[in-house]
N, C-alpha and C. Protein backbone atom coordinates (compact mmCIF):
# COMPACT_ATOMS: atom_id res chain seq x y z
N GLY A 1 -8.25 -12.91 2.29
CA GLY A 1 -7.34 -13.61 1.61
C GLY A 1 -7.00 -12.78 0.10
N PRO A 2 -5.75 -13.34 -0.31
CA PRO A 2 -5.55 -12.67 -1.60
C PRO A 2 -6.39 -13.17 -2.75
N VAL A 3 -6.81 -12.13 -3.58
CA VAL A 3 -7.60 -12.73 -4.99
C VAL A 3 -6.90 -12.03 -5.85
N TRP A 4 -7.21 -12.27 -7.25
CA TRP A 4 -6.70 -11.80 -8.44
C TRP A 4 -7.58 -11.39 -9.50
N ARG A 5 -6.86 -10.14 -10.13
CA ARG A 5 -8.05 -9.36 -10.80
C ARG A 5 -7.71 -9.94 -11.94
N ASN A 6 -8.97 -10.55 -12.95
CA ASN A 6 -9.04 -10.67 -14.13
C ASN A 6 -9.57 -9.74 -15.13
N GLU A 7 -8.27 -8.88 -15.23
CA GLU A 7 -8.62 -7.72 -16.27
C GLU A 7 -7.24 -6.64 -16.34
N LYS A 8 -7.19 -5.75 -17.36
CA LYS A 8 -6.07 -4.88 -17.60
C LYS A 8 -5.66 -4.48 -15.82
N PRO A 9 -4.99 -4.63 -15.44
CA PRO A 9 -4.25 -3.89 -14.53
C PRO A 9 -3.76 -2.26 -14.90
N GLY A 10 -4.19 -1.48 -13.75
CA GLY A 10 -3.77 -0.03 -13.93
C GLY A 10 -2.97 0.61 -13.03
N PRO A 11 -2.98 2.04 -12.72
CA PRO A 11 -2.68 2.62 -11.57
C PRO A 11 -3.54 2.30 -10.37
N GLY A 12 -2.93 1.78 -9.03
CA GLY A 12 -3.84 1.70 -7.87
C GLY A 12 -4.53 0.51 -8.43
N ARG A 13 -4.60 -0.38 -9.29
CA ARG A 13 -5.30 -1.60 -9.35
C ARG A 13 -4.35 -2.46 -10.08
N PHE A 14 -3.93 -3.47 -8.85
CA PHE A 14 -3.01 -4.40 -9.05
C PHE A 14 -3.50 -5.70 -9.38
N ARG A 15 -2.64 -6.60 -9.79
CA ARG A 15 -3.33 -7.82 -10.24
C ARG A 15 -3.67 -8.76 -9.04
N GLN A 16 -3.12 -8.63 -8.04
CA GLN A 16 -3.42 -9.34 -6.65
C GLN A 16 -3.62 -8.36 -5.83
N PHE A 17 -4.60 -8.58 -4.97
CA PHE A 17 -5.00 -7.50 -3.46
C PHE A 17 -5.94 -8.60 -2.83
N THR A 18 -6.47 -7.91 -1.66
CA THR A 18 -6.65 -8.62 -0.61
C THR A 18 -8.22 -8.19 -0.37
N GLN A 19 -9.09 -9.23 -0.15
CA GLN A 19 -10.44 -8.84 -0.28
C GLN A 19 -11.13 -9.43 0.96
N PHE A 20 -12.11 -8.98 1.64
CA PHE A 20 -12.87 -9.80 2.49
C PHE A 20 -14.34 -8.99 2.74
N ASP A 21 -15.23 -9.61 3.27
CA ASP A 21 -16.55 -9.63 2.72
C ASP A 21 -17.59 -9.73 3.65
N ALA A 22 -18.61 -9.26 3.89
CA ALA A 22 -19.80 -9.17 4.44
C ALA A 22 -20.99 -9.50 3.84
N ASP A 23 -21.60 -10.51 4.01
CA ASP A 23 -22.89 -10.99 3.51
C ASP A 23 -24.35 -10.84 4.11
N THR A 24 -25.42 -10.29 3.43
CA THR A 24 -26.56 -10.55 4.04
C THR A 24 -27.49 -11.61 3.15
N VAL A 25 -27.90 -12.48 3.60
CA VAL A 25 -28.75 -13.53 2.79
C VAL A 25 -30.50 -13.84 3.38
N GLY A 26 -31.08 -13.86 2.70
CA GLY A 26 -32.61 -13.76 2.92
C GLY A 26 -33.68 -12.81 3.20
N THR A 27 -33.05 -11.72 2.68
CA THR A 27 -34.18 -10.59 2.55
C THR A 27 -34.05 -9.75 1.57
N GLU A 28 -35.56 -9.25 1.19
CA GLU A 28 -35.33 -8.06 0.32
C GLU A 28 -35.42 -6.61 0.83
N SER A 29 -35.34 -6.55 2.27
CA SER A 29 -35.54 -5.03 2.67
C SER A 29 -33.91 -4.23 2.65
N VAL A 30 -34.51 -2.87 2.15
CA VAL A 30 -33.09 -2.43 1.73
C VAL A 30 -32.48 -1.42 3.20
N ALA A 31 -32.98 -1.97 4.29
CA ALA A 31 -32.55 -1.98 5.47
C ALA A 31 -31.06 -3.03 5.91
N ALA A 32 -30.99 -4.05 4.67
CA ALA A 32 -29.78 -4.70 4.70
C ALA A 32 -28.79 -4.09 4.23
N ASP A 33 -29.01 -3.10 2.84
CA ASP A 33 -28.10 -2.31 2.28
C ASP A 33 -27.59 -1.09 3.09
N ALA A 34 -28.85 -0.50 3.99
CA ALA A 34 -28.20 0.41 4.51
C ALA A 34 -27.28 0.17 5.62
N GLU A 35 -27.24 -0.92 6.26
CA GLU A 35 -26.50 -1.75 7.14
C GLU A 35 -25.26 -2.00 6.81
N ILE A 36 -25.07 -2.32 5.28
CA ILE A 36 -23.42 -2.85 4.90
C ILE A 36 -22.98 -1.42 4.83
N CYS A 37 -23.69 -0.34 4.24
CA CYS A 37 -23.16 0.96 4.10
C CYS A 37 -22.62 1.35 5.34
N MET A 38 -23.28 1.25 6.23
CA MET A 38 -22.83 1.56 7.54
C MET A 38 -21.51 0.91 8.50
N LEU A 39 -21.79 -0.48 7.93
CA LEU A 39 -20.68 -1.02 8.21
C LEU A 39 -19.38 -1.02 7.79
N ALA A 40 -19.40 -0.61 6.32
CA ALA A 40 -18.47 -0.24 5.36
C ALA A 40 -17.59 0.80 6.16
N ALA A 41 -18.32 2.20 6.36
CA ALA A 41 -17.89 3.07 6.98
C ALA A 41 -17.34 2.73 8.51
N ASP A 42 -17.74 2.04 9.19
CA ASP A 42 -16.74 1.63 10.34
C ASP A 42 -15.89 1.22 10.04
N THR A 43 -15.68 0.00 9.11
CA THR A 43 -14.59 -0.83 9.14
C THR A 43 -13.44 -0.09 8.09
N ILE A 44 -13.89 1.07 7.50
CA ILE A 44 -12.74 1.95 7.40
C ILE A 44 -12.05 2.65 8.29
N GLU A 45 -12.61 3.00 8.96
CA GLU A 45 -12.21 3.84 10.38
C GLU A 45 -11.53 2.76 11.19
N LYS A 46 -11.95 1.43 11.28
CA LYS A 46 -11.16 0.65 12.31
C LYS A 46 -9.80 0.49 11.44
N LEU A 47 -9.62 0.39 10.10
CA LEU A 47 -8.38 0.33 9.54
C LEU A 47 -7.86 1.64 9.46
N GLY A 48 -7.93 2.46 10.10
CA GLY A 48 -7.30 3.81 10.31
C GLY A 48 -7.37 4.82 9.61
N ILE A 49 -8.40 5.10 8.65
CA ILE A 49 -8.92 6.10 7.55
C ILE A 49 -9.61 6.80 8.45
N PRO A 50 -9.17 8.18 8.84
CA PRO A 50 -9.78 8.78 9.72
C PRO A 50 -11.60 9.50 8.93
N ARG A 51 -12.40 9.72 9.62
CA ARG A 51 -13.48 10.11 9.12
C ARG A 51 -12.99 11.59 8.34
N GLY A 52 -13.50 11.73 7.23
CA GLY A 52 -13.73 12.80 6.53
C GLY A 52 -12.44 12.48 5.24
N ASP A 53 -11.81 11.74 5.49
CA ASP A 53 -11.00 10.95 4.14
C ASP A 53 -11.70 10.01 3.31
N PHE A 54 -12.72 9.58 3.53
CA PHE A 54 -13.64 8.60 2.79
C PHE A 54 -14.80 9.08 2.78
N ARG A 55 -15.73 8.32 1.75
CA ARG A 55 -17.00 8.24 1.88
C ARG A 55 -17.75 6.93 1.08
N ILE A 56 -18.64 6.67 1.40
CA ILE A 56 -19.36 5.62 1.03
C ILE A 56 -20.54 6.07 0.02
N LYS A 57 -20.30 6.02 -1.01
CA LYS A 57 -21.34 6.34 -2.51
C LYS A 57 -22.32 5.45 -2.49
N VAL A 58 -23.57 6.02 -2.43
CA VAL A 58 -24.95 5.06 -2.90
C VAL A 58 -25.75 5.28 -4.03
N SER A 59 -26.11 4.45 -4.92
CA SER A 59 -27.06 4.59 -5.82
C SER A 59 -28.02 3.69 -5.94
N ASN A 60 -28.64 3.49 -7.05
CA ASN A 60 -29.58 2.25 -7.10
C ASN A 60 -29.89 1.97 -8.93
N ARG A 61 -29.56 0.53 -9.23
CA ARG A 61 -29.93 0.48 -10.79
C ARG A 61 -31.13 0.53 -11.28
N LYS A 62 -32.26 0.44 -10.18
CA LYS A 62 -33.65 0.75 -10.71
C LYS A 62 -33.79 2.19 -11.35
N VAL A 63 -32.78 3.12 -10.55
CA VAL A 63 -32.91 4.81 -10.89
C VAL A 63 -32.26 4.52 -12.30
N LEU A 64 -31.21 3.79 -12.66
CA LEU A 64 -30.43 4.09 -13.76
C LEU A 64 -31.46 3.72 -14.89
N ASP A 65 -32.06 2.51 -14.46
CA ASP A 65 -32.68 1.71 -15.79
C ASP A 65 -33.93 2.66 -16.37
N GLY A 66 -34.60 3.54 -15.02
CA GLY A 66 -35.50 4.60 -15.27
C GLY A 66 -35.24 5.86 -16.16
N LEU A 67 -33.98 5.90 -16.12
CA LEU A 67 -32.95 6.79 -16.59
C LEU A 67 -32.63 6.41 -18.37
N MET A 68 -32.34 5.20 -18.46
CA MET A 68 -32.33 4.71 -19.66
C MET A 68 -33.84 4.49 -20.50
N GLU A 69 -35.02 4.36 -19.63
CA GLU A 69 -36.06 4.39 -20.28
C GLU A 69 -36.25 5.95 -20.88
N ALA A 70 -36.31 6.70 -20.01
CA ALA A 70 -36.58 8.00 -20.19
C ALA A 70 -35.52 8.93 -21.47
N ALA A 71 -34.31 7.76 -21.53
CA ALA A 71 -33.33 8.41 -22.56
C ALA A 71 -33.88 7.64 -23.88
N GLY A 72 -35.02 6.88 -23.99
CA GLY A 72 -35.26 6.28 -25.13
C GLY A 72 -34.56 4.90 -25.52
N ILE A 73 -33.50 4.20 -24.34
CA ILE A 73 -32.88 3.03 -24.50
C ILE A 73 -33.67 1.97 -23.94
N GLY A 74 -35.03 2.00 -23.64
CA GLY A 74 -35.10 0.78 -22.76
C GLY A 74 -35.60 -0.55 -23.71
N GLY A 75 -36.50 -1.54 -23.43
CA GLY A 75 -36.72 -2.52 -23.87
C GLY A 75 -35.63 -3.63 -23.93
N ALA A 76 -36.39 -4.62 -24.30
CA ALA A 76 -35.75 -6.00 -24.44
C ALA A 76 -34.26 -5.84 -25.41
N ASP A 77 -34.61 -5.42 -26.48
CA ASP A 77 -33.90 -5.30 -27.55
C ASP A 77 -32.67 -4.64 -27.34
N LYS A 78 -32.54 -3.72 -26.54
CA LYS A 78 -31.36 -2.70 -26.04
C LYS A 78 -30.69 -3.04 -24.82
N VAL A 79 -30.95 -4.23 -24.24
CA VAL A 79 -30.55 -4.83 -23.23
C VAL A 79 -28.66 -4.46 -22.99
N HIS A 80 -27.94 -5.04 -24.26
CA HIS A 80 -26.56 -5.18 -24.17
C HIS A 80 -26.20 -3.52 -24.39
N GLN A 81 -26.85 -2.36 -25.27
CA GLN A 81 -26.48 -1.25 -25.03
C GLN A 81 -26.37 -0.55 -23.70
N ARG A 82 -27.50 -0.90 -22.96
CA ARG A 82 -27.51 -0.30 -21.89
C ARG A 82 -26.60 -0.82 -20.83
N LEU A 83 -26.07 -2.14 -21.00
CA LEU A 83 -24.91 -2.36 -20.15
C LEU A 83 -23.60 -1.71 -20.90
N VAL A 84 -23.43 -1.47 -22.17
CA VAL A 84 -22.37 -0.48 -22.60
C VAL A 84 -22.52 0.92 -21.62
N VAL A 85 -23.48 1.38 -21.58
CA VAL A 85 -23.88 2.55 -20.86
C VAL A 85 -23.51 2.63 -19.43
N LEU A 86 -23.95 1.58 -18.90
CA LEU A 86 -23.71 1.64 -17.44
C LEU A 86 -22.29 1.37 -17.52
N ARG A 87 -21.53 0.49 -17.72
CA ARG A 87 -19.95 0.47 -17.60
C ARG A 87 -19.31 1.77 -18.01
N SER A 88 -19.48 2.44 -18.97
CA SER A 88 -19.32 3.58 -19.23
C SER A 88 -19.11 4.72 -18.30
N ILE A 89 -20.45 4.61 -17.61
CA ILE A 89 -20.62 5.81 -16.33
C ILE A 89 -19.77 5.33 -15.13
N ASP A 90 -19.75 3.73 -15.02
CA ASP A 90 -18.88 3.56 -13.99
C ASP A 90 -17.53 4.18 -14.18
N LYS A 91 -17.05 4.13 -15.12
CA LYS A 91 -15.56 4.85 -15.81
C LYS A 91 -15.39 6.18 -15.43
N LEU A 92 -16.54 6.98 -15.02
CA LEU A 92 -16.48 8.80 -14.69
C LEU A 92 -15.42 8.99 -13.90
N ASP A 93 -14.73 8.06 -12.66
CA ASP A 93 -13.92 8.88 -11.91
C ASP A 93 -12.42 8.65 -12.95
N LYS A 94 -12.43 7.79 -13.60
CA LYS A 94 -11.04 7.33 -13.99
C LYS A 94 -10.86 8.19 -15.44
N LEU A 95 -12.11 8.45 -16.33
CA LEU A 95 -11.86 8.61 -17.35
C LEU A 95 -12.26 10.27 -17.67
N GLY A 96 -13.22 10.82 -16.46
CA GLY A 96 -13.52 12.28 -16.53
C GLY A 96 -15.01 12.53 -18.00
N PRO A 97 -15.72 12.95 -17.60
CA PRO A 97 -17.17 13.44 -18.56
C PRO A 97 -16.44 13.15 -19.87
N GLU A 98 -15.28 14.01 -20.54
CA GLU A 98 -15.34 13.68 -22.00
C GLU A 98 -14.93 12.16 -22.38
N GLY A 99 -14.19 11.44 -21.51
CA GLY A 99 -13.78 10.17 -21.51
C GLY A 99 -14.93 9.21 -21.91
N VAL A 100 -16.02 9.70 -20.91
CA VAL A 100 -17.08 8.96 -20.85
C VAL A 100 -18.26 9.26 -21.85
N ARG A 101 -18.03 10.54 -22.31
CA ARG A 101 -18.91 10.65 -23.67
C ARG A 101 -18.31 10.14 -24.99
N LEU A 102 -16.81 10.13 -24.80
CA LEU A 102 -16.76 8.93 -25.96
C LEU A 102 -16.94 7.85 -26.22
N LEU A 103 -17.13 6.92 -24.93
CA LEU A 103 -17.72 5.87 -24.78
C LEU A 103 -19.44 5.50 -24.79
N LEU A 104 -19.97 6.57 -24.46
CA LEU A 104 -21.23 6.59 -24.87
C LEU A 104 -21.63 7.25 -26.22
N GLY A 105 -20.59 7.57 -27.07
CA GLY A 105 -20.88 7.62 -28.62
C GLY A 105 -20.19 6.36 -29.44
N GLU A 106 -19.33 6.83 -30.07
CA GLU A 106 -18.88 5.83 -31.35
C GLU A 106 -17.86 4.95 -30.26
N GLY A 107 -16.95 5.32 -29.31
CA GLY A 107 -15.87 4.82 -28.48
C GLY A 107 -14.67 5.69 -28.55
N ARG A 108 -13.92 4.92 -27.54
CA ARG A 108 -12.70 5.85 -27.07
C ARG A 108 -11.57 4.75 -27.54
N ARG A 109 -10.37 5.24 -27.63
CA ARG A 109 -9.08 4.56 -28.02
C ARG A 109 -8.07 5.26 -26.75
N ASP A 110 -7.42 4.11 -25.73
CA ASP A 110 -7.00 4.79 -25.06
C ASP A 110 -5.15 4.90 -25.00
N GLU A 111 -4.41 5.32 -23.75
CA GLU A 111 -3.21 5.44 -24.17
C GLU A 111 -2.23 4.49 -24.85
N SER A 112 -2.97 3.20 -24.88
CA SER A 112 -1.89 1.97 -25.31
C SER A 112 -2.36 1.70 -26.61
N GLY A 113 -3.43 2.65 -27.43
CA GLY A 113 -4.01 2.32 -28.65
C GLY A 113 -5.13 1.29 -28.70
N ASP A 114 -5.44 0.91 -27.64
CA ASP A 114 -6.96 -0.30 -27.47
C ASP A 114 -8.18 0.38 -27.77
N PHE A 115 -8.65 -0.01 -28.55
CA PHE A 115 -9.98 0.92 -28.88
C PHE A 115 -11.17 -0.02 -28.32
N THR A 116 -12.14 0.83 -27.42
CA THR A 116 -13.13 0.34 -26.70
C THR A 116 -14.69 0.59 -27.56
N LYS A 117 -15.29 0.01 -27.95
CA LYS A 117 -16.63 0.45 -28.87
C LYS A 117 -17.28 0.91 -27.93
N GLY A 118 -18.16 2.37 -28.40
CA GLY A 118 -18.89 2.92 -27.59
C GLY A 118 -20.37 2.44 -27.59
N ALA A 119 -21.05 2.77 -27.16
CA ALA A 119 -22.83 2.71 -26.73
C ALA A 119 -23.44 2.98 -28.35
N GLY A 120 -23.05 4.11 -28.87
CA GLY A 120 -23.50 4.17 -30.30
C GLY A 120 -24.81 5.29 -29.58
N LEU A 121 -25.01 6.31 -29.02
CA LEU A 121 -25.96 6.96 -28.38
C LEU A 121 -25.61 8.38 -29.25
N GLY A 122 -27.00 9.02 -29.52
CA GLY A 122 -27.03 9.99 -30.01
C GLY A 122 -26.72 11.31 -28.87
N ALA A 123 -26.41 12.41 -29.56
CA ALA A 123 -25.89 13.46 -28.59
C ALA A 123 -26.46 13.86 -27.70
N SER A 124 -27.92 13.96 -28.04
CA SER A 124 -29.41 14.66 -26.90
C SER A 124 -29.11 13.24 -25.88
N GLN A 125 -29.17 12.30 -26.40
CA GLN A 125 -29.03 10.92 -25.27
C GLN A 125 -27.64 11.10 -24.30
N ILE A 126 -26.66 11.27 -24.83
CA ILE A 126 -25.21 11.58 -24.18
C ILE A 126 -25.61 12.69 -23.24
N ASP A 127 -25.99 13.75 -23.66
CA ASP A 127 -26.45 15.18 -23.07
C ASP A 127 -27.26 14.80 -21.73
N THR A 128 -28.25 13.76 -22.01
CA THR A 128 -29.18 13.60 -20.68
C THR A 128 -28.48 12.66 -19.73
N ILE A 129 -27.47 11.70 -20.05
CA ILE A 129 -27.04 11.00 -19.43
C ILE A 129 -25.87 11.27 -18.20
N LEU A 130 -25.20 12.39 -19.23
CA LEU A 130 -24.05 12.82 -18.19
C LEU A 130 -24.37 13.82 -17.65
N ALA A 131 -25.47 14.66 -17.99
CA ALA A 131 -26.25 15.62 -16.78
C ALA A 131 -26.58 14.73 -15.68
N PHE A 132 -27.32 13.55 -15.91
CA PHE A 132 -27.77 13.05 -14.76
C PHE A 132 -26.35 12.80 -13.91
N THR A 133 -25.44 12.12 -14.07
CA THR A 133 -24.24 11.69 -13.52
C THR A 133 -23.71 12.84 -12.52
N GLY A 134 -23.72 14.24 -13.03
CA GLY A 134 -23.51 15.42 -12.45
C GLY A 134 -24.30 15.86 -11.40
N ALA A 135 -25.53 15.43 -11.02
CA ALA A 135 -26.63 15.84 -10.64
C ALA A 135 -26.56 15.95 -9.30
N GLY A 136 -25.41 15.25 -8.37
CA GLY A 136 -25.63 15.27 -7.12
C GLY A 136 -23.96 15.35 -6.86
N ALA A 137 -23.25 15.33 -7.69
CA ALA A 137 -21.78 14.89 -7.54
C ALA A 137 -21.17 15.94 -6.40
N GLY A 138 -20.54 15.82 -5.95
CA GLY A 138 -19.68 16.73 -5.08
C GLY A 138 -20.43 17.33 -3.93
N GLY A 139 -21.20 18.05 -3.80
CA GLY A 139 -21.59 18.89 -2.44
C GLY A 139 -23.22 18.78 -2.20
N ASN A 140 -24.20 18.54 -3.28
CA ASN A 140 -25.55 18.37 -3.11
C ASN A 140 -25.83 17.71 -1.86
N SER A 141 -26.91 18.04 -1.28
CA SER A 141 -27.52 17.10 -0.14
C SER A 141 -28.43 16.04 -0.91
N ASN A 142 -28.36 14.66 0.01
CA ASN A 142 -29.17 13.69 -0.44
C ASN A 142 -30.47 13.92 -0.72
N ALA A 143 -31.16 14.84 0.08
CA ALA A 143 -32.63 15.36 -0.44
C ALA A 143 -32.43 15.77 -2.05
N ALA A 144 -31.56 16.71 -1.99
CA ALA A 144 -31.49 17.44 -3.41
C ALA A 144 -31.51 16.55 -4.50
N THR A 145 -30.27 15.65 -4.36
CA THR A 145 -29.96 14.22 -5.36
C THR A 145 -31.20 13.46 -5.41
N LEU A 146 -31.67 13.44 -4.55
CA LEU A 146 -33.31 12.25 -4.94
C LEU A 146 -34.16 13.23 -5.34
N ASP A 147 -34.26 14.42 -5.26
CA ASP A 147 -35.18 15.15 -6.09
C ASP A 147 -34.97 15.15 -7.24
N GLY A 148 -33.65 15.60 -7.61
CA GLY A 148 -33.21 15.27 -9.20
C GLY A 148 -32.84 14.07 -9.94
N PHE A 149 -32.84 12.96 -9.12
CA PHE A 149 -33.04 11.64 -9.48
C PHE A 149 -34.64 11.44 -9.96
N ALA A 150 -35.68 11.85 -9.17
CA ALA A 150 -37.09 11.62 -9.31
C ALA A 150 -37.40 12.56 -10.89
N LYS A 151 -36.91 13.53 -10.95
CA LYS A 151 -37.06 14.19 -12.57
C LYS A 151 -36.41 13.74 -13.60
N ALA A 152 -35.22 12.91 -13.09
CA ALA A 152 -34.70 12.65 -14.38
C ALA A 152 -35.25 10.92 -14.95
N VAL A 153 -35.85 10.35 -13.88
CA VAL A 153 -36.54 9.24 -14.16
C VAL A 153 -37.52 9.30 -15.40
N GLY A 154 -38.13 10.28 -15.08
CA GLY A 154 -39.40 10.89 -16.11
C GLY A 154 -40.54 9.93 -15.72
N GLY A 155 -40.85 9.72 -14.41
CA GLY A 155 -42.24 8.95 -14.19
C GLY A 155 -42.15 7.80 -14.30
N THR A 156 -40.94 7.15 -14.63
CA THR A 156 -40.94 5.72 -15.03
C THR A 156 -41.27 4.83 -13.78
N ALA A 157 -41.90 3.60 -13.76
CA ALA A 157 -42.04 2.99 -12.73
C ALA A 157 -40.97 2.34 -11.99
N ILE A 158 -40.07 1.69 -12.39
CA ILE A 158 -38.79 0.94 -12.40
C ILE A 158 -38.11 2.28 -11.55
N GLY A 159 -37.86 3.60 -12.20
CA GLY A 159 -37.20 4.41 -11.43
C GLY A 159 -37.58 5.28 -10.42
N ALA A 160 -39.15 5.13 -9.88
CA ALA A 160 -39.70 5.64 -9.20
C ALA A 160 -39.43 4.72 -7.83
N GLN A 161 -39.32 3.70 -8.09
CA GLN A 161 -38.95 2.20 -7.16
C GLN A 161 -37.85 2.52 -6.76
N GLY A 162 -36.79 2.87 -7.29
CA GLY A 162 -35.45 3.14 -7.12
C GLY A 162 -35.10 4.24 -6.16
N VAL A 163 -35.85 5.33 -6.41
CA VAL A 163 -35.71 6.68 -5.94
C VAL A 163 -36.36 6.42 -4.32
N ALA A 164 -37.47 5.56 -4.21
CA ALA A 164 -38.08 5.04 -3.24
C ALA A 164 -37.22 4.59 -2.36
N GLU A 165 -36.37 3.29 -2.80
CA GLU A 165 -35.61 2.68 -1.88
C GLU A 165 -34.38 3.43 -1.55
N LEU A 166 -33.78 4.11 -2.13
CA LEU A 166 -32.70 5.45 -1.67
C LEU A 166 -33.22 6.24 -0.77
N ARG A 167 -34.27 6.80 -0.77
CA ARG A 167 -34.81 7.63 0.21
C ARG A 167 -34.86 6.64 1.77
N GLN A 168 -35.38 5.42 1.53
CA GLN A 168 -35.47 4.83 2.77
C GLN A 168 -33.81 4.67 3.42
N ILE A 169 -32.94 4.41 2.45
CA ILE A 169 -31.81 4.02 2.54
C ILE A 169 -30.83 5.23 3.38
N ALA A 170 -31.46 6.61 2.49
CA ALA A 170 -30.79 7.76 3.27
C ALA A 170 -31.36 8.26 4.80
N GLU A 171 -32.71 8.05 4.90
CA GLU A 171 -33.38 8.25 6.06
C GLU A 171 -32.72 7.13 7.39
N MET A 172 -32.61 5.74 7.04
CA MET A 172 -32.13 4.86 7.98
C MET A 172 -30.68 5.43 8.41
N THR A 173 -29.92 5.48 7.33
CA THR A 173 -28.49 6.00 7.77
C THR A 173 -28.43 7.31 8.26
N ALA A 174 -29.27 8.35 8.13
CA ALA A 174 -29.09 9.41 8.88
C ALA A 174 -29.85 9.20 10.25
N ALA A 175 -30.57 8.68 10.54
CA ALA A 175 -31.48 8.06 11.96
C ALA A 175 -30.38 7.47 12.74
N ALA A 176 -29.52 6.93 11.92
CA ALA A 176 -28.45 6.06 12.62
C ALA A 176 -27.33 7.10 13.14
N GLY A 177 -27.07 8.12 12.74
CA GLY A 177 -25.95 8.98 13.24
C GLY A 177 -24.94 9.09 12.13
N TYR A 178 -25.04 8.42 10.77
CA TYR A 178 -24.21 8.64 9.62
C TYR A 178 -24.88 9.68 8.81
N ASP A 179 -23.85 10.97 8.86
CA ASP A 179 -24.17 11.99 7.75
C ASP A 179 -23.82 11.59 6.57
N GLU A 180 -23.94 13.00 5.94
CA GLU A 180 -23.91 12.82 4.45
C GLU A 180 -22.40 12.59 3.95
N ALA A 181 -21.37 13.23 4.89
CA ALA A 181 -20.02 13.16 4.52
C ALA A 181 -19.55 12.12 4.74
N ARG A 182 -20.33 10.70 5.15
CA ARG A 182 -19.73 9.43 5.31
C ARG A 182 -20.64 8.40 4.30
N VAL A 183 -21.97 8.74 4.43
CA VAL A 183 -22.78 7.87 3.57
C VAL A 183 -23.96 9.19 2.69
N PHE A 184 -23.36 8.85 1.32
CA PHE A 184 -24.04 9.96 0.64
C PHE A 184 -24.40 9.27 -0.93
N ILE A 185 -25.73 10.04 -1.32
CA ILE A 185 -26.37 9.23 -2.87
C ILE A 185 -25.52 10.17 -3.90
N ASP A 186 -24.92 9.34 -4.49
CA ASP A 186 -24.07 9.85 -5.86
C ASP A 186 -24.56 9.39 -7.05
N PRO A 187 -25.00 10.11 -8.15
CA PRO A 187 -25.24 9.56 -9.20
C PRO A 187 -24.25 9.02 -10.33
N SER A 188 -23.04 9.02 -9.97
CA SER A 188 -22.01 8.62 -10.52
C SER A 188 -21.61 6.87 -10.31
N CYS A 189 -22.37 6.75 -8.80
CA CYS A 189 -21.78 5.41 -8.82
C CYS A 189 -22.85 4.35 -9.26
N VAL A 190 -22.18 3.60 -9.96
CA VAL A 190 -23.15 2.70 -11.29
C VAL A 190 -22.71 1.33 -10.60
N ARG A 191 -21.44 0.94 -10.41
CA ARG A 191 -21.01 -0.63 -10.70
C ARG A 191 -21.05 -1.21 -11.88
N GLY A 192 -20.21 -1.88 -12.79
CA GLY A 192 -20.52 -2.00 -13.98
C GLY A 192 -20.83 -3.30 -14.44
N LEU A 193 -21.12 -4.15 -13.22
CA LEU A 193 -21.63 -5.68 -13.72
C LEU A 193 -22.90 -5.65 -13.40
N GLU A 194 -23.42 -6.66 -14.55
CA GLU A 194 -24.60 -6.70 -15.09
C GLU A 194 -25.63 -7.38 -13.94
N TYR A 195 -25.34 -8.00 -12.75
CA TYR A 195 -25.80 -8.65 -11.96
C TYR A 195 -26.52 -7.77 -10.62
N TYR A 196 -26.07 -6.60 -10.93
CA TYR A 196 -26.61 -5.64 -9.76
C TYR A 196 -27.84 -5.33 -10.25
N THR A 197 -28.94 -5.42 -9.39
CA THR A 197 -30.72 -4.76 -9.72
C THR A 197 -31.08 -3.91 -8.99
N GLY A 198 -30.51 -3.58 -7.66
CA GLY A 198 -31.12 -2.63 -6.73
C GLY A 198 -30.05 -1.66 -6.05
N PRO A 199 -29.92 -1.65 -4.94
CA PRO A 199 -28.82 -0.68 -4.63
C PRO A 199 -27.43 -0.91 -4.70
N VAL A 200 -26.62 0.03 -5.15
CA VAL A 200 -25.06 -0.42 -5.30
C VAL A 200 -24.62 0.78 -4.39
N PHE A 201 -23.19 0.46 -3.88
CA PHE A 201 -22.21 1.26 -3.20
C PHE A 201 -20.94 1.34 -3.18
N GLU A 202 -20.23 1.80 -3.10
CA GLU A 202 -19.11 1.50 -3.09
C GLU A 202 -18.10 2.84 -1.94
N ALA A 203 -16.87 2.54 -1.95
CA ALA A 203 -16.18 3.23 -0.86
C ALA A 203 -15.07 4.20 -1.61
N GLU A 204 -15.05 5.32 -1.34
CA GLU A 204 -13.97 6.36 -2.36
C GLU A 204 -13.27 7.38 -1.13
N LEU A 205 -12.03 6.69 -1.54
CA LEU A 205 -10.76 7.54 -0.39
C LEU A 205 -10.74 9.05 -0.98
N THR A 206 -10.68 10.32 -0.13
CA THR A 206 -10.74 11.55 -0.77
C THR A 206 -9.79 11.99 -0.52
N PHE A 207 -8.44 11.36 0.07
CA PHE A 207 -7.25 12.49 0.37
C PHE A 207 -6.33 12.13 -0.73
């Protein structure tokens, strides 16, 4: 049915749009997340968008939490700063690396003149995070991206848990016949809301 966006509309982001859902309740297994990713791919094809014109991007907030710890912004006193960082990374496809760099630093002024305060990170922290977001973008295999994730999280426990969950999702989708052209692990996939705690995924049209 119709729903309405409670934020600033922009190109391709209308105030009103149609939404439908599939939900899994009652399990902590990442098999449920793998199944939803495959269901999303099937649904997009049923809607008439051919294979090759879309992809399901997958990541894990635990990996990102590990990255934050490795970048020196872990801990309970930096919760708000981490959320700003995550929301900034989530805008990578809209603003590009330089726009995100501004949001990770002091802030960014958009075309309308509105100023968004940044996360206040230092130059080396910004470089670490931007390097991570480009680690598997484009053409890397899921295996190569996961290896990059394992290095980026610096041996943190939460990061290692996230990498393990993503390995399971990649193995399950591959075993079911969903290759990396349809379901692939992408470090730029974040989702900006703070209630996400594990696997995150989104569909992207490529045409």
